[in-house]
Amino acid sequence: MSARTDNPAASGADTPSTRETDPENGLEILTFGCRLNAWESEVMRAHAREAGLDNAILVNTCAVTSEAVRQARQSIRKARRANPDAKIIVTGCAAQVDPAMFAAMPEVDRVVGNAEKLRAETFNPVTLLGGTEKIRVNDIMSVRETAGHLVEGMEGRARAYVQVQNGCDHRCTFCIIPFGRGNSRSVPAGEIVSQIKALVASGHSEVVLTGVDLTSWGGDLPGTPPLGRLVQAILKQVPDLPRLRLSSIDAIEIDEALFEAVTGEARIAPYLHLSLQAGDNMILKRMKRRHSREDAIALCNRLKAARPEIAFGADIIAGFPTETEAMFENSLKLVDECQLAYLHVFPYSPRPGTPAARMPQLEKSVIKARAARLRDKADQVLAAHLDTMIGTVAGALMEKPGFARAGNFAAIRLPETEFPRAGALVNIQVTHHDGRELHGELTS
């Protein structure tokens, strides 16, 4: 499972949320968790607008940690206090996994499943809000297809996201997401290429391929094409696309065609976020991961050798059940051995219904302390990574006034007076950094 991690951060909340409003119809969308959720919120926004749904709050939840669920419930209560007359519709992974919990909240008017939230007919106000049935959630495991919804960019965002895959066939012992997303299913390549052509024609310079388990794309399609074949098809058939970025990927599933594309094609952003989770082989086995620490190190070394400018981010879980101090030290060592620049640190959180929740648990104080040590390590490696960019000219995507992001994911601060349009690719002379972000000026 990888969708939750395509926005790596060294610290902060596990599941950052976004709040977007549509003043024309009083529609508000609260999005928790991964970029795939953010993309799906845009699909819901379009359907709600077309259906004429107004004075409503859509809450798109995440289930990756218990903290994510707590944040969603807290936001629902806060939204009700601020909008006593609005209809609150809850959806997303947490709602799919435990719809009854949200339906029991007096603030909630309807609970909608992950499959239902992407259907236009769901948002018809008469059918959505009519009657007394609060839960509209079907069996996600029965879903066999993923539609290629076209989102004309994402409102308020410089880059565009294209969902190419949904669901996950793997059963990592800590992860509840397959029960919120269902089994893996892929969008056909032709639909994806058509979407990207439309996005480029509308002015987007960077497109991100996203999915729950991105590298499993194609496994359910005729001929079981690998993700690398899709990436190569996009690059060939959309020659005007300036930059293609991949969201979080499973290290063990990088096929040769994908390796060749990532290392040999300048239009692919030189950044990969890897779903590693731990650096100790026994913990990886107990997580039911399919790679070893040696596999991860070998892959990163091979990628770096083929494309030296590439940067890596990764998920690391702190305090997994049975983790000893020595096992945790192996995760700390992996950061250097894989030359990671960005870490997304997850303090382990037991999810009811998962095998890991039944394993011997560590004390919360130990988990918290280990997460803090990982975040300290994250600060160190990020600063070292930014050091290497001082004095260079970085190609970057403008996101908002005074802020851009380089191809290798480094954040760059600029004078706000220097602001081409959002989504423009620019060159920036890097002058210094503050430990977390680069600083620089536009250059030709």
Protein backbone atom coordinates (compact mmCIF):
# COMPACT_ATOMS: atom_id res chain seq x y z
CA MET A 1 0.00 0.00 0.00
CA SER A 2 1.51 3.30 -0.99
CA ALA A 3 -0.96 6.05 -1.70
CA ARG A 4 -0.71 7.72 1.66
CA THR A 5 2.93 8.63 1.24
CA ASP A 6 3.27 10.71 -1.86
CA ASN A 7 3.54 13.87 0.22
CA PRO A 8 6.51 13.02 2.44
CA ALA A 9 7.21 15.10 5.48
CA ALA A 10 9.75 14.74 8.19
CA SER A 11 7.43 15.75 10.96
CA GLY A 12 3.96 16.97 11.75
CA ALA A 13 0.58 15.28 11.71
CA ASP A 14 0.31 11.84 10.17
CA THR A 15 -2.48 12.88 7.85
CA PRO A 16 -2.49 16.53 6.83
CA SER A 17 -5.92 17.77 5.79
CA THR A 18 -7.03 20.33 3.24
CA ARG A 19 -10.13 22.48 3.37
CA GLU A 20 -11.61 23.87 0.18
CA THR A 21 -14.82 25.81 -0.30
CA ASP A 22 -16.97 26.57 -3.30
CA PRO A 23 -18.69 29.91 -2.54
CA GLU A 24 -21.11 29.55 -5.44
CA ASN A 25 -23.03 26.71 -3.86
CA GLY A 26 -21.81 26.64 -0.28
CA LEU A 27 -20.02 23.32 -0.83
CA GLU A 28 -17.04 22.56 1.42
CA ILE A 29 -14.68 19.60 1.12
CA LEU A 30 -12.38 18.41 3.92
CA THR A 31 -9.73 15.98 2.69
CA PHE A 32 -7.52 13.82 4.91
CA GLY A 33 -4.56 11.65 4.02
CA CYS A 34 -3.06 10.86 0.65
CA ARG A 35 -2.89 12.63 -2.69
CA LEU A 36 -5.22 10.01 -4.12
CA ASN A 37 -7.85 11.20 -1.67
CA ALA A 38 -7.18 14.78 -2.78
CA TRP A 39 -7.69 13.74 -6.40
CA GLU A 40 -10.91 11.93 -5.54
CA SER A 41 -12.16 15.02 -3.71
CA GLU A 42 -11.92 16.86 -7.02
CA VAL A 43 -13.99 14.14 -8.68
CA MET A 44 -16.60 14.52 -5.93
CA ARG A 45 -16.56 18.30 -6.30
CA ALA A 46 -17.31 18.04 -10.01
CA HIS A 47 -20.14 15.55 -9.45
CA ALA A 48 -21.64 17.63 -6.63
CA ARG A 49 -21.58 20.79 -8.73
CA GLU A 50 -23.23 19.07 -11.67
CA ALA A 51 -25.89 17.54 -9.43
CA GLY A 52 -26.67 20.86 -7.76
CA LEU A 53 -25.74 19.76 -4.25
CA ASP A 54 -25.44 22.83 -2.06
CA ASN A 55 -24.99 23.82 1.58
CA ALA A 56 -23.09 20.59 2.20
CA ILE A 57 -19.78 19.52 3.71
CA LEU A 58 -18.03 16.49 2.22
CA VAL A 59 -15.50 14.85 4.56
CA ASN A 60 -13.09 12.54 2.74
CA THR A 61 -11.46 10.50 5.52
CA CYS A 62 -8.26 8.48 5.91
CA ALA A 63 -7.85 5.23 7.87
CA VAL A 64 -4.10 4.76 7.81
CA THR A 65 -3.69 5.51 11.54
CA SER A 66 -5.99 5.85 14.53
CA GLU A 67 -4.84 9.48 14.70
CA ALA A 68 -6.17 10.03 11.19
CA VAL A 69 -9.60 8.77 12.27
CA ARG A 70 -9.51 10.91 15.41
CA GLN A 71 -8.69 14.00 13.36
CA ALA A 72 -11.58 13.30 11.00
CA ARG A 73 -14.08 12.88 13.83
CA GLN A 74 -12.83 16.04 15.51
CA SER A 75 -13.17 17.99 12.24
CA ILE A 76 -16.71 16.71 11.74
CA ARG A 77 -17.74 18.00 15.16
CA LYS A 78 -16.07 21.33 14.50
CA ALA A 79 -17.73 21.61 11.09
CA ARG A 80 -21.15 21.02 12.63
CA ARG A 81 -20.62 23.73 15.25
CA ALA A 82 -19.58 26.19 12.55
CA ASN A 83 -22.32 25.16 10.09
CA PRO A 84 -25.39 24.00 12.01
CA ASP A 85 -27.62 23.94 8.92
CA ALA A 86 -25.27 22.22 6.48
CA LYS A 87 -25.54 18.58 5.48
CA ILE A 88 -22.42 16.61 6.44
CA ILE A 89 -21.57 13.67 4.17
CA VAL A 90 -18.67 11.44 5.28
CA THR A 91 -16.76 9.19 2.92
CA GLY A 92 -13.22 7.87 2.38
CA CYS A 93 -11.30 4.92 3.77
CA ALA A 94 -12.26 5.35 7.43
CA ALA A 95 -15.93 5.56 6.47
CA GLN A 96 -15.61 2.46 4.28
CA VAL A 97 -13.92 0.45 7.02
CA ASP A 98 -16.25 1.50 9.86
CA PRO A 99 -19.36 3.21 8.49
CA ALA A 100 -21.37 2.51 11.65
CA MET A 101 -18.97 4.55 13.77
CA PHE A 102 -19.53 7.66 11.66
CA ALA A 103 -23.26 7.01 11.25
CA ALA A 104 -23.54 6.98 15.05
CA MET A 105 -22.24 10.56 15.20
CA PRO A 106 -25.20 12.95 15.51
CA GLU A 107 -23.32 15.51 13.41
CA VAL A 108 -23.28 13.21 10.35
CA ASP A 109 -26.15 13.12 7.85
CA ARG A 110 -24.88 10.46 5.44
CA VAL A 111 -22.00 7.97 5.16
CA VAL A 112 -20.93 7.11 1.60
CA GLY A 113 -18.53 4.35 0.53
CA ASN A 114 -15.31 4.69 -1.45
CA ALA A 115 -16.84 3.25 -4.61
CA GLU A 116 -20.03 5.29 -4.28
CA LYS A 117 -18.19 8.60 -3.82
CA LEU A 118 -16.87 8.47 -7.40
CA ARG A 119 -20.28 7.97 -9.03
CA ALA A 120 -22.10 11.00 -10.36
CA GLU A 121 -25.53 9.67 -9.38
CA THR A 122 -24.50 9.52 -5.72
CA PHE A 123 -24.60 13.30 -5.39
CA ASN A 124 -28.14 13.86 -6.60
CA PRO A 125 -29.56 15.76 -3.61
CA VAL A 126 -32.88 13.92 -3.74
CA THR A 127 -31.37 10.43 -3.65
CA LEU A 128 -28.45 11.33 -1.38
CA LEU A 129 -30.44 13.15 1.28
CA GLY A 130 -33.85 11.57 0.83
CA GLY A 131 -35.14 8.96 3.23
CA THR A 132 -33.66 8.03 6.59
CA GLU A 133 -30.93 5.55 5.63
CA LYS A 134 -27.66 7.07 6.77
CA ILE A 135 -25.24 4.48 5.39
CA ARG A 136 -24.66 4.09 1.63
CA VAL A 137 -21.67 1.74 1.68
CA ASN A 138 -21.31 -1.41 -0.39
CA ASP A 139 -18.75 -4.24 -0.28
CA ILE A 140 -15.54 -2.72 -1.63
CA MET A 141 -14.12 -6.18 -2.35
CA SER A 142 -16.81 -6.67 -4.98
CA VAL A 143 -15.57 -3.70 -7.05
CA ARG A 144 -13.72 -4.91 -10.13
CA GLU A 145 -13.03 -1.76 -12.16
CA THR A 146 -11.56 1.69 -11.67
CA ALA A 147 -12.95 4.38 -13.93
CA GLY A 148 -10.64 6.89 -15.56
CA HIS A 149 -12.24 10.05 -14.21
CA LEU A 150 -10.85 13.18 -15.86
CA VAL A 151 -10.00 16.00 -13.48
CA GLU A 152 -9.06 19.18 -15.30
CA GLY A 153 -6.24 19.86 -12.89
CA MET A 154 -6.86 20.23 -9.19
CA GLU A 155 -8.28 23.47 -7.88
CA GLY A 156 -5.68 25.49 -6.05
CA ARG A 157 -2.88 23.13 -7.11
CA ALA A 158 -0.08 23.72 -9.57
CA ARG A 159 0.33 20.12 -10.70
CA ALA A 160 -2.24 17.64 -11.95
CA TYR A 161 -2.85 14.15 -10.59
CA VAL A 162 -4.02 11.16 -12.61
CA GLN A 163 -5.32 8.09 -10.83
CA VAL A 164 -4.06 5.03 -12.67
CA GLN A 165 -4.79 2.36 -10.07
CA ASN A 166 -6.83 1.71 -6.94
CA GLY A 167 -6.92 -0.96 -4.24
CA CYS A 168 -4.25 -3.37 -3.03
CA ASP A 169 -3.82 -7.15 -3.21
CA HIS A 170 -1.16 -7.28 -0.50
CA ARG A 171 -1.92 -7.75 3.17
CA CYS A 172 0.77 -6.05 5.22
CA THR A 173 0.05 -6.89 8.83
CA PHE A 174 -0.20 -3.26 9.97
CA CYS A 175 -2.39 -1.96 7.15
CA ILE A 176 -6.16 -1.52 7.08
CA ILE A 177 -6.24 0.25 3.70
CA PRO A 178 -7.06 -2.79 1.50
CA PHE A 179 -10.32 -3.08 3.42
CA GLY A 180 -11.08 0.54 2.59
CA ARG A 181 -9.97 0.40 -1.03
CA GLY A 182 -10.59 -3.18 -2.13
CA ASN A 183 -8.45 -5.32 -4.41
CA SER A 184 -6.07 -3.87 -6.98
CA ARG A 185 -7.59 -2.66 -10.22
CA SER A 186 -6.11 -0.61 -13.03
CA VAL A 187 -7.22 2.11 -15.42
CA PRO A 188 -6.45 1.09 -19.03
CA ALA A 189 -3.41 2.78 -20.57
CA GLY A 190 -5.39 4.42 -23.36
CA GLU A 191 -7.63 6.25 -20.91
CA ILE A 192 -4.62 7.43 -18.92
CA VAL A 193 -2.81 8.75 -21.99
CA SER A 194 -5.96 10.59 -23.11
CA GLN A 195 -6.30 12.23 -19.70
CA ILE A 196 -2.70 13.37 -19.68
CA LYS A 197 -3.00 14.78 -23.21
CA ALA A 198 -6.01 16.82 -22.06
CA LEU A 199 -4.16 18.06 -18.96
CA VAL A 200 -1.13 19.13 -21.00
CA ALA A 201 -3.40 20.88 -23.52
CA SER A 202 -4.97 22.82 -20.64
CA GLY A 203 -1.57 24.11 -19.55
CA HIS A 204 -0.26 21.67 -16.94
CA SER A 205 3.52 21.26 -16.87
CA GLU A 206 3.68 18.45 -14.32
CA VAL A 207 1.49 15.38 -14.01
CA VAL A 208 1.67 12.92 -11.11
CA LEU A 209 0.66 9.29 -11.49
CA THR A 210 -1.03 8.13 -8.33
CA GLY A 211 -2.65 5.02 -6.90
CA VAL A 212 -2.97 2.98 -3.74
CA ASP A 213 -0.35 0.44 -4.86
CA LEU A 214 1.01 2.18 -7.94
CA THR A 215 3.52 -0.47 -9.01
CA SER A 216 0.78 -3.11 -9.18
CA TRP A 217 -0.75 -1.25 -12.14
CA GLY A 218 -1.51 -3.57 -15.02
CA GLY A 219 -1.75 -6.79 -13.04
CA ASP A 220 -5.46 -7.10 -13.82
CA LEU A 221 -5.28 -5.90 -17.43
CA PRO A 222 -4.94 -8.13 -20.53
CA GLY A 223 -1.33 -9.23 -20.86
CA THR A 224 -0.53 -7.92 -17.34
CA PRO A 225 1.63 -5.00 -18.55
CA PRO A 226 4.06 -3.59 -15.95
CA LEU A 227 3.98 0.02 -14.79
CA GLY A 228 7.15 0.72 -16.76
CA ARG A 229 5.33 0.04 -20.01
CA LEU A 230 2.65 2.58 -19.07
CA VAL A 231 5.27 5.20 -18.19
CA GLN A 232 7.08 4.65 -21.48
CA ALA A 233 3.80 4.90 -23.40
CA ILE A 234 2.99 8.23 -21.72
CA LEU A 235 6.40 9.67 -22.53
CA LYS A 236 6.16 8.54 -26.15
CA GLN A 237 2.55 9.47 -26.82
CA VAL A 238 2.53 12.78 -24.94
CA PRO A 239 5.78 14.37 -26.15
CA ASP A 240 4.67 17.83 -24.98
CA LEU A 241 4.46 16.76 -21.32
CA PRO A 242 7.35 18.58 -19.60
CA ARG A 243 7.48 16.55 -16.40
CA LEU A 244 6.02 13.25 -15.18
CA ARG A 245 6.21 12.40 -11.49
CA LEU A 246 5.51 9.10 -9.74
CA SER A 247 3.83 8.94 -6.36
CA SER A 248 4.86 6.41 -3.72
CA ILE A 249 6.00 3.06 -5.07
CA ASP A 250 6.79 -0.38 -3.68
CA ALA A 251 10.54 -0.89 -4.02
CA ILE A 252 10.30 -4.60 -4.75
CA GLU A 253 7.98 -4.04 -7.73
CA ILE A 254 10.13 -1.74 -9.87
CA ASP A 255 10.25 -3.54 -13.22
CA GLU A 256 13.11 -3.14 -15.71
CA ALA A 257 11.11 -0.92 -18.06
CA LEU A 258 10.31 1.41 -15.15
CA PHE A 259 13.94 1.42 -14.00
CA GLU A 260 15.09 2.34 -17.51
CA ALA A 261 12.52 5.13 -17.76
CA VAL A 262 13.28 6.62 -14.34
CA THR A 263 17.03 6.56 -14.86
CA GLY A 264 17.15 7.42 -18.56
CA GLU A 265 14.37 9.93 -19.18
CA ALA A 266 14.96 13.53 -18.07
CA ARG A 267 11.24 14.28 -18.18
CA ILE A 268 10.62 11.97 -15.22
CA ALA A 269 11.16 13.88 -11.98
CA PRO A 270 14.39 12.72 -10.27
CA TYR A 271 12.61 11.69 -7.10
CA LEU A 272 11.13 8.43 -5.82
CA HIS A 273 9.22 7.93 -2.59
CA LEU A 274 9.70 4.32 -1.51
CA SER A 275 7.37 2.30 0.68
CA LEU A 276 10.10 0.79 2.91
CA GLN A 277 8.45 0.84 6.38
CA ALA A 278 11.43 -0.59 8.31
CA GLY A 279 15.11 -1.43 8.07
CA ASP A 280 15.22 -4.67 10.04
CA ASN A 281 14.61 -7.98 8.29
CA MET A 282 12.71 -9.59 11.17
CA ILE A 283 10.38 -6.61 11.45
CA LEU A 284 9.91 -6.57 7.68
CA LYS A 285 8.96 -10.25 7.86
CA ARG A 286 6.50 -9.61 10.67
CA MET A 287 5.06 -6.73 8.66
CA LYS A 288 4.66 -9.21 5.76
CA ARG A 289 6.63 -6.96 3.47
CA ARG A 290 8.13 -8.60 0.39
CA HIS A 291 11.58 -7.00 0.43
CA SER A 292 14.61 -7.22 2.71
CA ARG A 293 16.83 -4.40 3.91
CA GLU A 294 19.45 -5.71 1.43
CA ASP A 295 16.92 -5.42 -1.42
CA ALA A 296 16.21 -1.79 -0.49
CA ILE A 297 19.89 -0.84 -0.26
CA ALA A 298 20.75 -2.55 -3.53
CA LEU A 299 17.91 -0.81 -5.36
CA CYS A 300 18.84 2.65 -4.08
CA ASN A 301 22.51 2.12 -4.94
CA ARG A 302 21.59 0.94 -8.41
CA LEU A 303 19.29 3.91 -9.05
CA LYS A 304 21.88 6.39 -7.75
CA ALA A 305 24.58 4.88 -9.93
CA ALA A 306 22.39 5.22 -13.02
CA ARG A 307 21.02 8.69 -12.19
CA PRO A 308 23.15 10.46 -9.55
CA GLU A 309 20.79 13.44 -9.14
CA ILE A 310 17.86 11.28 -8.04
CA ALA A 311 16.62 11.78 -4.47
CA PHE A 312 14.71 9.32 -2.30
CA GLY A 313 12.02 9.62 0.32
CA ALA A 314 10.57 6.78 2.34
CA ASP A 315 8.01 5.72 4.94
CA ILE A 316 9.42 4.41 8.19
CA ILE A 317 7.21 3.08 10.99
CA ALA A 318 8.54 3.66 14.51
CA GLY A 319 7.73 1.21 17.28
CA PHE A 320 6.22 -1.67 15.35
CA PRO A 321 5.16 -4.53 17.70
CA THR A 322 8.12 -6.62 18.98
CA GLU A 323 10.66 -4.06 17.71
CA THR A 324 13.76 -4.15 19.91
CA GLU A 325 16.28 -1.35 20.24
CA ALA A 326 18.64 -3.20 17.90
CA MET A 327 15.88 -3.62 15.33
CA PHE A 328 15.07 0.08 15.53
CA GLU A 329 18.76 0.92 15.09
CA ASN A 330 18.64 -1.00 11.81
CA SER A 331 15.90 1.35 10.60
CA LEU A 332 18.02 4.35 11.58
CA LYS A 333 21.01 2.89 9.72
CA LEU A 334 18.88 2.25 6.63
CA VAL A 335 18.34 6.00 6.24
CA ASP A 336 22.04 6.46 5.48
CA GLU A 337 22.49 3.16 3.67
CA CYS A 338 19.68 4.04 1.23
CA GLN A 339 20.79 7.69 1.02
CA LEU A 340 17.30 8.85 1.95
CA ALA A 341 16.67 12.61 1.85
CA TYR A 342 13.07 12.72 3.08
CA LEU A 343 11.33 10.63 5.70
CA HIS A 344 7.66 10.24 6.43
CA VAL A 345 7.67 8.96 10.00
CA PHE A 346 4.70 6.99 11.28
CA PRO A 347 4.54 6.25 15.01
CA TYR A 348 3.01 2.77 15.01
CA SER A 349 -0.73 2.84 15.58
CA PRO A 350 -2.66 -0.44 15.98
CA ARG A 351 -5.59 -0.68 13.59
CA PRO A 352 -8.37 -3.01 14.82
CA GLY A 353 -8.75 -6.03 12.57
CA THR A 354 -5.11 -6.15 11.46
CA PRO A 355 -2.71 -8.96 12.50
CA ALA A 356 -0.20 -6.48 13.92
CA ALA A 357 -2.80 -5.23 16.40
CA ARG A 358 -2.75 -8.70 17.99
CA MET A 359 1.04 -8.79 18.34
CA PRO A 360 2.83 -7.77 21.56
CA GLN A 361 2.68 -3.97 21.63
CA LEU A 362 5.38 -1.54 22.73
CA GLU A 363 4.77 1.15 25.31
CA LYS A 364 3.48 4.37 23.79
CA SER A 365 6.36 6.27 25.37
CA VAL A 366 8.84 4.04 23.53
CA ILE A 367 7.03 4.52 20.22
CA LYS A 368 6.95 8.27 20.72
CA ALA A 369 10.66 8.42 21.60
CA ARG A 370 11.66 6.34 18.57
CA ALA A 371 9.53 8.47 16.26
CA ALA A 372 11.26 11.56 17.65
CA ARG A 373 14.67 10.02 16.97
CA LEU A 374 13.66 9.20 13.42
CA ARG A 375 12.45 12.76 12.91
CA ASP A 376 15.74 14.10 14.23
CA LYS A 377 17.47 11.87 11.72
CA ALA A 378 15.13 13.17 9.04
CA ASP A 379 16.15 16.74 9.82
CA GLN A 380 19.82 15.78 9.52
CA VAL A 381 19.55 14.03 6.16
CA LEU A 382 17.32 16.74 4.71
CA ALA A 383 19.81 19.45 5.66
CA ALA A 384 22.62 17.40 4.12
CA HIS A 385 20.59 16.94 0.94
CA LEU A 386 19.89 20.66 0.69
CA ASP A 387 23.60 21.39 1.21
CA THR A 388 24.35 19.65 -2.07
CA MET A 389 22.07 22.04 -3.97
CA ILE A 390 23.56 25.35 -2.81
CA GLY A 391 25.04 27.18 -5.78
CA THR A 392 23.20 25.09 -8.35
CA VAL A 393 20.40 26.04 -10.73
CA ALA A 394 17.31 23.97 -9.97
CA GLY A 395 14.44 23.34 -12.35
CA ALA A 396 11.28 23.81 -10.29
CA LEU A 397 7.51 24.06 -10.53
CA MET A 398 5.93 27.24 -9.19
CA GLU A 399 3.19 26.32 -6.70
CA LYS A 400 2.25 29.71 -5.22
CA PRO A 401 3.75 33.17 -4.71
CA GLY A 402 7.19 32.77 -3.18
CA PHE A 403 7.23 28.97 -3.32
CA ALA A 404 8.35 26.35 -5.83
CA ARG A 405 9.34 22.70 -5.71
CA ALA A 406 12.34 21.26 -7.50
CA GLY A 407 12.22 18.10 -9.55
CA ASN A 408 13.94 16.24 -6.69
CA PHE A 409 11.16 17.42 -4.34
CA ALA A 410 13.19 20.12 -2.56
CA ALA A 411 11.06 23.05 -1.44
CA ILE A 412 12.36 26.45 -2.59
CA ARG A 413 11.48 29.90 -1.23
CA LEU A 414 11.61 32.92 -3.54
CA PRO A 415 10.88 36.63 -3.17
CA GLU A 416 7.10 36.87 -3.61
CA THR A 417 7.60 39.60 -6.18
CA GLU A 418 9.11 36.94 -8.44
CA PHE A 419 6.03 34.93 -9.34
CA PRO A 420 5.33 33.47 -12.75
CA ARG A 421 1.99 31.72 -13.03
CA ALA A 422 1.27 28.73 -10.77
CA GLY A 423 2.31 25.60 -12.58
CA ALA A 424 5.09 27.21 -14.60
CA LEU A 425 8.43 25.42 -14.79
CA VAL A 426 11.24 27.82 -13.90
CA ASN A 427 14.98 27.83 -13.21
CA ILE A 428 16.08 28.99 -9.77
CA GLN A 429 19.58 29.94 -8.64
CA VAL A 430 19.87 28.38 -5.18
CA THR A 431 21.67 30.63 -2.67
CA HIS A 432 21.21 29.02 0.76
CA HIS A 433 18.84 26.96 2.91
CA ASP A 434 17.33 27.17 6.38
CA GLY A 435 17.50 23.47 7.20
CA ARG A 436 14.11 22.66 5.71
CA GLU A 437 13.78 24.73 2.53
CA LEU A 438 16.08 26.14 -0.11
CA HIS A 439 16.15 29.84 -0.88
CA GLY A 440 16.94 31.35 -4.25
CA GLU A 441 16.11 33.68 -7.11
CA LEU A 442 14.71 33.20 -10.57
CA THR A 443 17.25 32.93 -13.32
CA SER A 444 17.03 32.50 -17.06
